[in-house]
Amino acid sequence: KNVQTVFANLVKFWSLDENNAFSL
């Protein structure tokens, strides 16, 4: 859960959709 929270925050900060953010 804490790892997914980091990802969610990064997606929001980068202003990218989840798939593109995950790839980066």
PDBML (XML) file of the C-alpha atoms, coordinates in Angstrom:
<?xml version="1.0" encoding="UTF-8" ?>
<PDBx:datablock datablockName="MODEL"
   xmlns:PDBx="http://pdbml.pdb.org/schema/pdbx-v50.xsd"
   xmlns:xsi="http://www.w3.org/2001/XMLSchema-instance"
   xsi:schemaLocation="http://pdbml.pdb.org/schema/pdbx-v50.xsd pdbx-v50.xsd">
   <PDBx:atom_siteCategory>
      <PDBx:atom_site id="1">
         <PDBx:B_iso_or_equiv>0.00</PDBx:B_iso_or_equiv>
         <PDBx:Cartn_x>0.000</PDBx:Cartn_x>
         <PDBx:Cartn_y>0.000</PDBx:Cartn_y>
         <PDBx:Cartn_z>0.000</PDBx:Cartn_z>
         <PDBx:auth_asym_id>A</PDBx:auth_asym_id>
         <PDBx:auth_atom_id>CA</PDBx:auth_atom_id>
         <PDBx:auth_comp_id>LYS</PDBx:auth_comp_id>
         <PDBx:auth_seq_id>1</PDBx:auth_seq_id>
         <PDBx:group_PDB>ATOM</PDBx:group_PDB>
         <PDBx:label_alt_id xsi:nil="true" />
         <PDBx:label_asym_id>A</PDBx:label_asym_id>
         <PDBx:label_atom_id>CA</PDBx:label_atom_id>
         <PDBx:label_comp_id>LYS</PDBx:label_comp_id>
         <PDBx:label_entity_id>1</PDBx:label_entity_id>
         <PDBx:label_seq_id>1</PDBx:label_seq_id>
         <PDBx:occupancy>1.00</PDBx:occupancy>
         <PDBx:pdbx_PDB_model_num>1</PDBx:pdbx_PDB_model_num>
         <PDBx:type_symbol>C</PDBx:type_symbol>
      </PDBx:atom_site>
      <PDBx:atom_site id="2">
         <PDBx:B_iso_or_equiv>0.00</PDBx:B_iso_or_equiv>
         <PDBx:Cartn_x>2.751</PDBx:Cartn_x>
         <PDBx:Cartn_y>2.518</PDBx:Cartn_y>
         <PDBx:Cartn_z>0.879</PDBx:Cartn_z>
         <PDBx:auth_asym_id>A</PDBx:auth_asym_id>
         <PDBx:auth_atom_id>CA</PDBx:auth_atom_id>
         <PDBx:auth_comp_id>ASN</PDBx:auth_comp_id>
         <PDBx:auth_seq_id>2</PDBx:auth_seq_id>
         <PDBx:group_PDB>ATOM</PDBx:group_PDB>
         <PDBx:label_alt_id xsi:nil="true" />
         <PDBx:label_asym_id>A</PDBx:label_asym_id>
         <PDBx:label_atom_id>CA</PDBx:label_atom_id>
         <PDBx:label_comp_id>ASN</PDBx:label_comp_id>
         <PDBx:label_entity_id>1</PDBx:label_entity_id>
         <PDBx:label_seq_id>2</PDBx:label_seq_id>
         <PDBx:occupancy>1.00</PDBx:occupancy>
         <PDBx:pdbx_PDB_model_num>1</PDBx:pdbx_PDB_model_num>
         <PDBx:type_symbol>C</PDBx:type_symbol>
      </PDBx:atom_site>
      <PDBx:atom_site id="3">
         <PDBx:B_iso_or_equiv>0.00</PDBx:B_iso_or_equiv>
         <PDBx:Cartn_x>4.491</PDBx:Cartn_x>
         <PDBx:Cartn_y>1.811</PDBx:Cartn_y>
         <PDBx:Cartn_z>-2.432</PDBx:Cartn_z>
         <PDBx:auth_asym_id>A</PDBx:auth_asym_id>
         <PDBx:auth_atom_id>CA</PDBx:auth_atom_id>
         <PDBx:auth_comp_id>VAL</PDBx:auth_comp_id>
         <PDBx:auth_seq_id>3</PDBx:auth_seq_id>
         <PDBx:group_PDB>ATOM</PDBx:group_PDB>
         <PDBx:label_alt_id xsi:nil="true" />
         <PDBx:label_asym_id>A</PDBx:label_asym_id>
         <PDBx:label_atom_id>CA</PDBx:label_atom_id>
         <PDBx:label_comp_id>VAL</PDBx:label_comp_id>
         <PDBx:label_entity_id>1</PDBx:label_entity_id>
         <PDBx:label_seq_id>3</PDBx:label_seq_id>
         <PDBx:occupancy>1.00</PDBx:occupancy>
         <PDBx:pdbx_PDB_model_num>1</PDBx:pdbx_PDB_model_num>
         <PDBx:type_symbol>C</PDBx:type_symbol>
      </PDBx:atom_site>
      <PDBx:atom_site id="4">
         <PDBx:B_iso_or_equiv>0.00</PDBx:B_iso_or_equiv>
         <PDBx:Cartn_x>1.248</PDBx:Cartn_x>
         <PDBx:Cartn_y>2.360</PDBx:Cartn_y>
         <PDBx:Cartn_z>-4.328</PDBx:Cartn_z>
         <PDBx:auth_asym_id>A</PDBx:auth_asym_id>
         <PDBx:auth_atom_id>CA</PDBx:auth_atom_id>
         <PDBx:auth_comp_id>GLN</PDBx:auth_comp_id>
         <PDBx:auth_seq_id>4</PDBx:auth_seq_id>
         <PDBx:group_PDB>ATOM</PDBx:group_PDB>
         <PDBx:label_alt_id xsi:nil="true" />
         <PDBx:label_asym_id>A</PDBx:label_asym_id>
         <PDBx:label_atom_id>CA</PDBx:label_atom_id>
         <PDBx:label_comp_id>GLN</PDBx:label_comp_id>
         <PDBx:label_entity_id>1</PDBx:label_entity_id>
         <PDBx:label_seq_id>4</PDBx:label_seq_id>
         <PDBx:occupancy>1.00</PDBx:occupancy>
         <PDBx:pdbx_PDB_model_num>1</PDBx:pdbx_PDB_model_num>
         <PDBx:type_symbol>C</PDBx:type_symbol>
      </PDBx:atom_site>
      <PDBx:atom_site id="5">
         <PDBx:B_iso_or_equiv>0.00</PDBx:B_iso_or_equiv>
         <PDBx:Cartn_x>0.773</PDBx:Cartn_x>
         <PDBx:Cartn_y>5.640</PDBx:Cartn_y>
         <PDBx:Cartn_z>-2.445</PDBx:Cartn_z>
         <PDBx:auth_asym_id>A</PDBx:auth_asym_id>
         <PDBx:auth_atom_id>CA</PDBx:auth_atom_id>
         <PDBx:auth_comp_id>THR</PDBx:auth_comp_id>
         <PDBx:auth_seq_id>5</PDBx:auth_seq_id>
         <PDBx:group_PDB>ATOM</PDBx:group_PDB>
         <PDBx:label_alt_id xsi:nil="true" />
         <PDBx:label_asym_id>A</PDBx:label_asym_id>
         <PDBx:label_atom_id>CA</PDBx:label_atom_id>
         <PDBx:label_comp_id>THR</PDBx:label_comp_id>
         <PDBx:label_entity_id>1</PDBx:label_entity_id>
         <PDBx:label_seq_id>5</PDBx:label_seq_id>
         <PDBx:occupancy>1.00</PDBx:occupancy>
         <PDBx:pdbx_PDB_model_num>1</PDBx:pdbx_PDB_model_num>
         <PDBx:type_symbol>C</PDBx:type_symbol>
      </PDBx:atom_site>
      <PDBx:atom_site id="6">
         <PDBx:B_iso_or_equiv>0.00</PDBx:B_iso_or_equiv>
         <PDBx:Cartn_x>4.150</PDBx:Cartn_x>
         <PDBx:Cartn_y>6.854</PDBx:Cartn_y>
         <PDBx:Cartn_z>-3.737</PDBx:Cartn_z>
         <PDBx:auth_asym_id>A</PDBx:auth_asym_id>
         <PDBx:auth_atom_id>CA</PDBx:auth_atom_id>
         <PDBx:auth_comp_id>VAL</PDBx:auth_comp_id>
         <PDBx:auth_seq_id>6</PDBx:auth_seq_id>
         <PDBx:group_PDB>ATOM</PDBx:group_PDB>
         <PDBx:label_alt_id xsi:nil="true" />
         <PDBx:label_asym_id>A</PDBx:label_asym_id>
         <PDBx:label_atom_id>CA</PDBx:label_atom_id>
         <PDBx:label_comp_id>VAL</PDBx:label_comp_id>
         <PDBx:label_entity_id>1</PDBx:label_entity_id>
         <PDBx:label_seq_id>6</PDBx:label_seq_id>
         <PDBx:occupancy>1.00</PDBx:occupancy>
         <PDBx:pdbx_PDB_model_num>1</PDBx:pdbx_PDB_model_num>
         <PDBx:type_symbol>C</PDBx:type_symbol>
      </PDBx:atom_site>
      <PDBx:atom_site id="7">
         <PDBx:B_iso_or_equiv>0.00</PDBx:B_iso_or_equiv>
         <PDBx:Cartn_x>3.078</PDBx:Cartn_x>
         <PDBx:Cartn_y>5.951</PDBx:Cartn_y>
         <PDBx:Cartn_z>-7.254</PDBx:Cartn_z>
         <PDBx:auth_asym_id>A</PDBx:auth_asym_id>
         <PDBx:auth_atom_id>CA</PDBx:auth_atom_id>
         <PDBx:auth_comp_id>PHE</PDBx:auth_comp_id>
         <PDBx:auth_seq_id>7</PDBx:auth_seq_id>
         <PDBx:group_PDB>ATOM</PDBx:group_PDB>
         <PDBx:label_alt_id xsi:nil="true" />
         <PDBx:label_asym_id>A</PDBx:label_asym_id>
         <PDBx:label_atom_id>CA</PDBx:label_atom_id>
         <PDBx:label_comp_id>PHE</PDBx:label_comp_id>
         <PDBx:label_entity_id>1</PDBx:label_entity_id>
         <PDBx:label_seq_id>7</PDBx:label_seq_id>
         <PDBx:occupancy>1.00</PDBx:occupancy>
         <PDBx:pdbx_PDB_model_num>1</PDBx:pdbx_PDB_model_num>
         <PDBx:type_symbol>C</PDBx:type_symbol>
      </PDBx:atom_site>
      <PDBx:atom_site id="8">
         <PDBx:B_iso_or_equiv>0.00</PDBx:B_iso_or_equiv>
         <PDBx:Cartn_x>-0.270</PDBx:Cartn_x>
         <PDBx:Cartn_y>7.744</PDBx:Cartn_y>
         <PDBx:Cartn_z>-6.919</PDBx:Cartn_z>
         <PDBx:auth_asym_id>A</PDBx:auth_asym_id>
         <PDBx:auth_atom_id>CA</PDBx:auth_atom_id>
         <PDBx:auth_comp_id>ALA</PDBx:auth_comp_id>
         <PDBx:auth_seq_id>8</PDBx:auth_seq_id>
         <PDBx:group_PDB>ATOM</PDBx:group_PDB>
         <PDBx:label_alt_id xsi:nil="true" />
         <PDBx:label_asym_id>A</PDBx:label_asym_id>
         <PDBx:label_atom_id>CA</PDBx:label_atom_id>
         <PDBx:label_comp_id>ALA</PDBx:label_comp_id>
         <PDBx:label_entity_id>1</PDBx:label_entity_id>
         <PDBx:label_seq_id>8</PDBx:label_seq_id>
         <PDBx:occupancy>1.00</PDBx:occupancy>
         <PDBx:pdbx_PDB_model_num>1</PDBx:pdbx_PDB_model_num>
         <PDBx:type_symbol>C</PDBx:type_symbol>
      </PDBx:atom_site>
      <PDBx:atom_site id="9">
         <PDBx:B_iso_or_equiv>0.00</PDBx:B_iso_or_equiv>
         <PDBx:Cartn_x>1.465</PDBx:Cartn_x>
         <PDBx:Cartn_y>10.884</PDBx:Cartn_y>
         <PDBx:Cartn_z>-5.654</PDBx:Cartn_z>
         <PDBx:auth_asym_id>A</PDBx:auth_asym_id>
         <PDBx:auth_atom_id>CA</PDBx:auth_atom_id>
         <PDBx:auth_comp_id>ASN</PDBx:auth_comp_id>
         <PDBx:auth_seq_id>9</PDBx:auth_seq_id>
         <PDBx:group_PDB>ATOM</PDBx:group_PDB>
         <PDBx:label_alt_id xsi:nil="true" />
         <PDBx:label_asym_id>A</PDBx:label_asym_id>
         <PDBx:label_atom_id>CA</PDBx:label_atom_id>
         <PDBx:label_comp_id>ASN</PDBx:label_comp_id>
         <PDBx:label_entity_id>1</PDBx:label_entity_id>
         <PDBx:label_seq_id>9</PDBx:label_seq_id>
         <PDBx:occupancy>1.00</PDBx:occupancy>
         <PDBx:pdbx_PDB_model_num>1</PDBx:pdbx_PDB_model_num>
         <PDBx:type_symbol>C</PDBx:type_symbol>
      </PDBx:atom_site>
      <PDBx:atom_site id="10">
         <PDBx:B_iso_or_equiv>0.00</PDBx:B_iso_or_equiv>
         <PDBx:Cartn_x>3.976</PDBx:Cartn_x>
         <PDBx:Cartn_y>10.770</PDBx:Cartn_y>
         <PDBx:Cartn_z>-8.486</PDBx:Cartn_z>
         <PDBx:auth_asym_id>A</PDBx:auth_asym_id>
         <PDBx:auth_atom_id>CA</PDBx:auth_atom_id>
         <PDBx:auth_comp_id>LEU</PDBx:auth_comp_id>
         <PDBx:auth_seq_id>10</PDBx:auth_seq_id>
         <PDBx:group_PDB>ATOM</PDBx:group_PDB>
         <PDBx:label_alt_id xsi:nil="true" />
         <PDBx:label_asym_id>A</PDBx:label_asym_id>
         <PDBx:label_atom_id>CA</PDBx:label_atom_id>
         <PDBx:label_comp_id>LEU</PDBx:label_comp_id>
         <PDBx:label_entity_id>1</PDBx:label_entity_id>
         <PDBx:label_seq_id>10</PDBx:label_seq_id>
         <PDBx:occupancy>1.00</PDBx:occupancy>
         <PDBx:pdbx_PDB_model_num>1</PDBx:pdbx_PDB_model_num>
         <PDBx:type_symbol>C</PDBx:type_symbol>
      </PDBx:atom_site>
      <PDBx:atom_site id="11">
         <PDBx:B_iso_or_equiv>0.00</PDBx:B_iso_or_equiv>
         <PDBx:Cartn_x>1.237</PDBx:Cartn_x>
         <PDBx:Cartn_y>10.336</PDBx:Cartn_y>
         <PDBx:Cartn_z>-11.103</PDBx:Cartn_z>
         <PDBx:auth_asym_id>A</PDBx:auth_asym_id>
         <PDBx:auth_atom_id>CA</PDBx:auth_atom_id>
         <PDBx:auth_comp_id>VAL</PDBx:auth_comp_id>
         <PDBx:auth_seq_id>11</PDBx:auth_seq_id>
         <PDBx:group_PDB>ATOM</PDBx:group_PDB>
         <PDBx:label_alt_id xsi:nil="true" />
         <PDBx:label_asym_id>A</PDBx:label_asym_id>
         <PDBx:label_atom_id>CA</PDBx:label_atom_id>
         <PDBx:label_comp_id>VAL</PDBx:label_comp_id>
         <PDBx:label_entity_id>1</PDBx:label_entity_id>
         <PDBx:label_seq_id>11</PDBx:label_seq_id>
         <PDBx:occupancy>1.00</PDBx:occupancy>
         <PDBx:pdbx_PDB_model_num>1</PDBx:pdbx_PDB_model_num>
         <PDBx:type_symbol>C</PDBx:type_symbol>
      </PDBx:atom_site>
      <PDBx:atom_site id="12">
         <PDBx:B_iso_or_equiv>0.00</PDBx:B_iso_or_equiv>
         <PDBx:Cartn_x>-0.470</PDBx:Cartn_x>
         <PDBx:Cartn_y>13.443</PDBx:Cartn_y>
         <PDBx:Cartn_z>-9.726</PDBx:Cartn_z>
         <PDBx:auth_asym_id>A</PDBx:auth_asym_id>
         <PDBx:auth_atom_id>CA</PDBx:auth_atom_id>
         <PDBx:auth_comp_id>LYS</PDBx:auth_comp_id>
         <PDBx:auth_seq_id>12</PDBx:auth_seq_id>
         <PDBx:group_PDB>ATOM</PDBx:group_PDB>
         <PDBx:label_alt_id xsi:nil="true" />
         <PDBx:label_asym_id>A</PDBx:label_asym_id>
         <PDBx:label_atom_id>CA</PDBx:label_atom_id>
         <PDBx:label_comp_id>LYS</PDBx:label_comp_id>
         <PDBx:label_entity_id>1</PDBx:label_entity_id>
         <PDBx:label_seq_id>12</PDBx:label_seq_id>
         <PDBx:occupancy>1.00</PDBx:occupancy>
         <PDBx:pdbx_PDB_model_num>1</PDBx:pdbx_PDB_model_num>
         <PDBx:type_symbol>C</PDBx:type_symbol>
      </PDBx:atom_site>
      <PDBx:atom_site id="13">
         <PDBx:B_iso_or_equiv>0.00</PDBx:B_iso_or_equiv>
         <PDBx:Cartn_x>2.770</PDBx:Cartn_x>
         <PDBx:Cartn_y>15.442</PDBx:Cartn_y>
         <PDBx:Cartn_z>-9.508</PDBx:Cartn_z>
         <PDBx:auth_asym_id>A</PDBx:auth_asym_id>
         <PDBx:auth_atom_id>CA</PDBx:auth_atom_id>
         <PDBx:auth_comp_id>PHE</PDBx:auth_comp_id>
         <PDBx:auth_seq_id>13</PDBx:auth_seq_id>
         <PDBx:group_PDB>ATOM</PDBx:group_PDB>
         <PDBx:label_alt_id xsi:nil="true" />
         <PDBx:label_asym_id>A</PDBx:label_asym_id>
         <PDBx:label_atom_id>CA</PDBx:label_atom_id>
         <PDBx:label_comp_id>PHE</PDBx:label_comp_id>
         <PDBx:label_entity_id>1</PDBx:label_entity_id>
         <PDBx:label_seq_id>13</PDBx:label_seq_id>
         <PDBx:occupancy>1.00</PDBx:occupancy>
         <PDBx:pdbx_PDB_model_num>1</PDBx:pdbx_PDB_model_num>
         <PDBx:type_symbol>C</PDBx:type_symbol>
      </PDBx:atom_site>
      <PDBx:atom_site id="14">
         <PDBx:B_iso_or_equiv>0.00</PDBx:B_iso_or_equiv>
         <PDBx:Cartn_x>3.834</PDBx:Cartn_x>
         <PDBx:Cartn_y>14.535</PDBx:Cartn_y>
         <PDBx:Cartn_z>-13.049</PDBx:Cartn_z>
         <PDBx:auth_asym_id>A</PDBx:auth_asym_id>
         <PDBx:auth_atom_id>CA</PDBx:auth_atom_id>
         <PDBx:auth_comp_id>TRP</PDBx:auth_comp_id>
         <PDBx:auth_seq_id>14</PDBx:auth_seq_id>
         <PDBx:group_PDB>ATOM</PDBx:group_PDB>
         <PDBx:label_alt_id xsi:nil="true" />
         <PDBx:label_asym_id>A</PDBx:label_asym_id>
         <PDBx:label_atom_id>CA</PDBx:label_atom_id>
         <PDBx:label_comp_id>TRP</PDBx:label_comp_id>
         <PDBx:label_entity_id>1</PDBx:label_entity_id>
         <PDBx:label_seq_id>14</PDBx:label_seq_id>
         <PDBx:occupancy>1.00</PDBx:occupancy>
         <PDBx:pdbx_PDB_model_num>1</PDBx:pdbx_PDB_model_num>
         <PDBx:type_symbol>C</PDBx:type_symbol>
      </PDBx:atom_site>
      <PDBx:atom_site id="15">
         <PDBx:B_iso_or_equiv>0.00</PDBx:B_iso_or_equiv>
         <PDBx:Cartn_x>0.325</PDBx:Cartn_x>
         <PDBx:Cartn_y>15.144</PDBx:Cartn_y>
         <PDBx:Cartn_z>-14.450</PDBx:Cartn_z>
         <PDBx:auth_asym_id>A</PDBx:auth_asym_id>
         <PDBx:auth_atom_id>CA</PDBx:auth_atom_id>
         <PDBx:auth_comp_id>SER</PDBx:auth_comp_id>
         <PDBx:auth_seq_id>15</PDBx:auth_seq_id>
         <PDBx:group_PDB>ATOM</PDBx:group_PDB>
         <PDBx:label_alt_id xsi:nil="true" />
         <PDBx:label_asym_id>A</PDBx:label_asym_id>
         <PDBx:label_atom_id>CA</PDBx:label_atom_id>
         <PDBx:label_comp_id>SER</PDBx:label_comp_id>
         <PDBx:label_entity_id>1</PDBx:label_entity_id>
         <PDBx:label_seq_id>15</PDBx:label_seq_id>
         <PDBx:occupancy>1.00</PDBx:occupancy>
         <PDBx:pdbx_PDB_model_num>1</PDBx:pdbx_PDB_model_num>
         <PDBx:type_symbol>C</PDBx:type_symbol>
      </PDBx:atom_site>
      <PDBx:atom_site id="16">
         <PDBx:B_iso_or_equiv>0.00</PDBx:B_iso_or_equiv>
         <PDBx:Cartn_x>0.497</PDBx:Cartn_x>
         <PDBx:Cartn_y>11.927</PDBx:Cartn_y>
         <PDBx:Cartn_z>-16.471</PDBx:Cartn_z>
         <PDBx:auth_asym_id>A</PDBx:auth_asym_id>
         <PDBx:auth_atom_id>CA</PDBx:auth_atom_id>
         <PDBx:auth_comp_id>LEU</PDBx:auth_comp_id>
         <PDBx:auth_seq_id>16</PDBx:auth_seq_id>
         <PDBx:group_PDB>ATOM</PDBx:group_PDB>
         <PDBx:label_alt_id xsi:nil="true" />
         <PDBx:label_asym_id>A</PDBx:label_asym_id>
         <PDBx:label_atom_id>CA</PDBx:label_atom_id>
         <PDBx:label_comp_id>LEU</PDBx:label_comp_id>
         <PDBx:label_entity_id>1</PDBx:label_entity_id>
         <PDBx:label_seq_id>16</PDBx:label_seq_id>
         <PDBx:occupancy>1.00</PDBx:occupancy>
         <PDBx:pdbx_PDB_model_num>1</PDBx:pdbx_PDB_model_num>
         <PDBx:type_symbol>C</PDBx:type_symbol>
      </PDBx:atom_site>
      <PDBx:atom_site id="17">
         <PDBx:B_iso_or_equiv>0.00</PDBx:B_iso_or_equiv>
         <PDBx:Cartn_x>-1.909</PDBx:Cartn_x>
         <PDBx:Cartn_y>9.058</PDBx:Cartn_y>
         <PDBx:Cartn_z>-16.870</PDBx:Cartn_z>
         <PDBx:auth_asym_id>A</PDBx:auth_asym_id>
         <PDBx:auth_atom_id>CA</PDBx:auth_atom_id>
         <PDBx:auth_comp_id>ASP</PDBx:auth_comp_id>
         <PDBx:auth_seq_id>17</PDBx:auth_seq_id>
         <PDBx:group_PDB>ATOM</PDBx:group_PDB>
         <PDBx:label_alt_id xsi:nil="true" />
         <PDBx:label_asym_id>A</PDBx:label_asym_id>
         <PDBx:label_atom_id>CA</PDBx:label_atom_id>
         <PDBx:label_comp_id>ASP</PDBx:label_comp_id>
         <PDBx:label_entity_id>1</PDBx:label_entity_id>
         <PDBx:label_seq_id>17</PDBx:label_seq_id>
         <PDBx:occupancy>1.00</PDBx:occupancy>
         <PDBx:pdbx_PDB_model_num>1</PDBx:pdbx_PDB_model_num>
         <PDBx:type_symbol>C</PDBx:type_symbol>
      </PDBx:atom_site>
      <PDBx:atom_site id="18">
         <PDBx:B_iso_or_equiv>0.00</PDBx:B_iso_or_equiv>
         <PDBx:Cartn_x>-1.059</PDBx:Cartn_x>
         <PDBx:Cartn_y>5.959</PDBx:Cartn_y>
         <PDBx:Cartn_z>-14.839</PDBx:Cartn_z>
         <PDBx:auth_asym_id>A</PDBx:auth_asym_id>
         <PDBx:auth_atom_id>CA</PDBx:auth_atom_id>
         <PDBx:auth_comp_id>GLU</PDBx:auth_comp_id>
         <PDBx:auth_seq_id>18</PDBx:auth_seq_id>
         <PDBx:group_PDB>ATOM</PDBx:group_PDB>
         <PDBx:label_alt_id xsi:nil="true" />
         <PDBx:label_asym_id>A</PDBx:label_asym_id>
         <PDBx:label_atom_id>CA</PDBx:label_atom_id>
         <PDBx:label_comp_id>GLU</PDBx:label_comp_id>
         <PDBx:label_entity_id>1</PDBx:label_entity_id>
         <PDBx:label_seq_id>18</PDBx:label_seq_id>
         <PDBx:occupancy>1.00</PDBx:occupancy>
         <PDBx:pdbx_PDB_model_num>1</PDBx:pdbx_PDB_model_num>
         <PDBx:type_symbol>C</PDBx:type_symbol>
      </PDBx:atom_site>
      <PDBx:atom_site id="19">
         <PDBx:B_iso_or_equiv>0.00</PDBx:B_iso_or_equiv>
         <PDBx:Cartn_x>0.195</PDBx:Cartn_x>
         <PDBx:Cartn_y>3.873</PDBx:Cartn_y>
         <PDBx:Cartn_z>-17.760</PDBx:Cartn_z>
         <PDBx:auth_asym_id>A</PDBx:auth_asym_id>
         <PDBx:auth_atom_id>CA</PDBx:auth_atom_id>
         <PDBx:auth_comp_id>ASN</PDBx:auth_comp_id>
         <PDBx:auth_seq_id>19</PDBx:auth_seq_id>
         <PDBx:group_PDB>ATOM</PDBx:group_PDB>
         <PDBx:label_alt_id xsi:nil="true" />
         <PDBx:label_asym_id>A</PDBx:label_asym_id>
         <PDBx:label_atom_id>CA</PDBx:label_atom_id>
         <PDBx:label_comp_id>ASN</PDBx:label_comp_id>
         <PDBx:label_entity_id>1</PDBx:label_entity_id>
         <PDBx:label_seq_id>19</PDBx:label_seq_id>
         <PDBx:occupancy>1.00</PDBx:occupancy>
         <PDBx:pdbx_PDB_model_num>1</PDBx:pdbx_PDB_model_num>
         <PDBx:type_symbol>C</PDBx:type_symbol>
      </PDBx:atom_site>
      <PDBx:atom_site id="20">
         <PDBx:B_iso_or_equiv>0.00</PDBx:B_iso_or_equiv>
         <PDBx:Cartn_x>2.654</PDBx:Cartn_x>
         <PDBx:Cartn_y>6.499</PDBx:Cartn_y>
         <PDBx:Cartn_z>-18.984</PDBx:Cartn_z>
         <PDBx:auth_asym_id>A</PDBx:auth_asym_id>
         <PDBx:auth_atom_id>CA</PDBx:auth_atom_id>
         <PDBx:auth_comp_id>ASN</PDBx:auth_comp_id>
         <PDBx:auth_seq_id>20</PDBx:auth_seq_id>
         <PDBx:group_PDB>ATOM</PDBx:group_PDB>
         <PDBx:label_alt_id xsi:nil="true" />
         <PDBx:label_asym_id>A</PDBx:label_asym_id>
         <PDBx:label_atom_id>CA</PDBx:label_atom_id>
         <PDBx:label_comp_id>ASN</PDBx:label_comp_id>
         <PDBx:label_entity_id>1</PDBx:label_entity_id>
         <PDBx:label_seq_id>20</PDBx:label_seq_id>
         <PDBx:occupancy>1.00</PDBx:occupancy>
         <PDBx:pdbx_PDB_model_num>1</PDBx:pdbx_PDB_model_num>
         <PDBx:type_symbol>C</PDBx:type_symbol>
      </PDBx:atom_site>
      <PDBx:atom_site id="21">
         <PDBx:B_iso_or_equiv>0.00</PDBx:B_iso_or_equiv>
         <PDBx:Cartn_x>3.842</PDBx:Cartn_x>
         <PDBx:Cartn_y>7.240</PDBx:Cartn_y>
         <PDBx:Cartn_z>-15.452</PDBx:Cartn_z>
         <PDBx:auth_asym_id>A</PDBx:auth_asym_id>
         <PDBx:auth_atom_id>CA</PDBx:auth_atom_id>
         <PDBx:auth_comp_id>ALA</PDBx:auth_comp_id>
         <PDBx:auth_seq_id>21</PDBx:auth_seq_id>
         <PDBx:group_PDB>ATOM</PDBx:group_PDB>
         <PDBx:label_alt_id xsi:nil="true" />
         <PDBx:label_asym_id>A</PDBx:label_asym_id>
         <PDBx:label_atom_id>CA</PDBx:label_atom_id>
         <PDBx:label_comp_id>ALA</PDBx:label_comp_id>
         <PDBx:label_entity_id>1</PDBx:label_entity_id>
         <PDBx:label_seq_id>21</PDBx:label_seq_id>
         <PDBx:occupancy>1.00</PDBx:occupancy>
         <PDBx:pdbx_PDB_model_num>1</PDBx:pdbx_PDB_model_num>
         <PDBx:type_symbol>C</PDBx:type_symbol>
      </PDBx:atom_site>
      <PDBx:atom_site id="22">
         <PDBx:B_iso_or_equiv>0.00</PDBx:B_iso_or_equiv>
         <PDBx:Cartn_x>4.332</PDBx:Cartn_x>
         <PDBx:Cartn_y>3.521</PDBx:Cartn_y>
         <PDBx:Cartn_z>-14.768</PDBx:Cartn_z>
         <PDBx:auth_asym_id>A</PDBx:auth_asym_id>
         <PDBx:auth_atom_id>CA</PDBx:auth_atom_id>
         <PDBx:auth_comp_id>PHE</PDBx:auth_comp_id>
         <PDBx:auth_seq_id>22</PDBx:auth_seq_id>
         <PDBx:group_PDB>ATOM</PDBx:group_PDB>
         <PDBx:label_alt_id xsi:nil="true" />
         <PDBx:label_asym_id>A</PDBx:label_asym_id>
         <PDBx:label_atom_id>CA</PDBx:label_atom_id>
         <PDBx:label_comp_id>PHE</PDBx:label_comp_id>
         <PDBx:label_entity_id>1</PDBx:label_entity_id>
         <PDBx:label_seq_id>22</PDBx:label_seq_id>
         <PDBx:occupancy>1.00</PDBx:occupancy>
         <PDBx:pdbx_PDB_model_num>1</PDBx:pdbx_PDB_model_num>
         <PDBx:type_symbol>C</PDBx:type_symbol>
      </PDBx:atom_site>
      <PDBx:atom_site id="23">
         <PDBx:B_iso_or_equiv>0.00</PDBx:B_iso_or_equiv>
         <PDBx:Cartn_x>6.419</PDBx:Cartn_x>
         <PDBx:Cartn_y>3.156</PDBx:Cartn_y>
         <PDBx:Cartn_z>-17.919</PDBx:Cartn_z>
         <PDBx:auth_asym_id>A</PDBx:auth_asym_id>
         <PDBx:auth_atom_id>CA</PDBx:auth_atom_id>
         <PDBx:auth_comp_id>SER</PDBx:auth_comp_id>
         <PDBx:auth_seq_id>23</PDBx:auth_seq_id>
         <PDBx:group_PDB>ATOM</PDBx:group_PDB>
         <PDBx:label_alt_id xsi:nil="true" />
         <PDBx:label_asym_id>A</PDBx:label_asym_id>
         <PDBx:label_atom_id>CA</PDBx:label_atom_id>
         <PDBx:label_comp_id>SER</PDBx:label_comp_id>
         <PDBx:label_entity_id>1</PDBx:label_entity_id>
         <PDBx:label_seq_id>23</PDBx:label_seq_id>
         <PDBx:occupancy>1.00</PDBx:occupancy>
         <PDBx:pdbx_PDB_model_num>1</PDBx:pdbx_PDB_model_num>
         <PDBx:type_symbol>C</PDBx:type_symbol>
      </PDBx:atom_site>
      <PDBx:atom_site id="24">
         <PDBx:B_iso_or_equiv>0.00</PDBx:B_iso_or_equiv>
         <PDBx:Cartn_x>8.662</PDBx:Cartn_x>
         <PDBx:Cartn_y>6.071</PDBx:Cartn_y>
         <PDBx:Cartn_z>-16.904</PDBx:Cartn_z>
         <PDBx:auth_asym_id>A</PDBx:auth_asym_id>
         <PDBx:auth_atom_id>CA</PDBx:auth_atom_id>
         <PDBx:auth_comp_id>LEU</PDBx:auth_comp_id>
         <PDBx:auth_seq_id>24</PDBx:auth_seq_id>
         <PDBx:group_PDB>ATOM</PDBx:group_PDB>
         <PDBx:label_alt_id xsi:nil="true" />
         <PDBx:label_asym_id>A</PDBx:label_asym_id>
         <PDBx:label_atom_id>CA</PDBx:label_atom_id>
         <PDBx:label_comp_id>LEU</PDBx:label_comp_id>
         <PDBx:label_entity_id>1</PDBx:label_entity_id>
         <PDBx:label_seq_id>24</PDBx:label_seq_id>
         <PDBx:occupancy>1.00</PDBx:occupancy>
         <PDBx:pdbx_PDB_model_num>1</PDBx:pdbx_PDB_model_num>
         <PDBx:type_symbol>C</PDBx:type_symbol>
      </PDBx:atom_site>
   </PDBx:atom_siteCategory>
</PDBx:datablock>
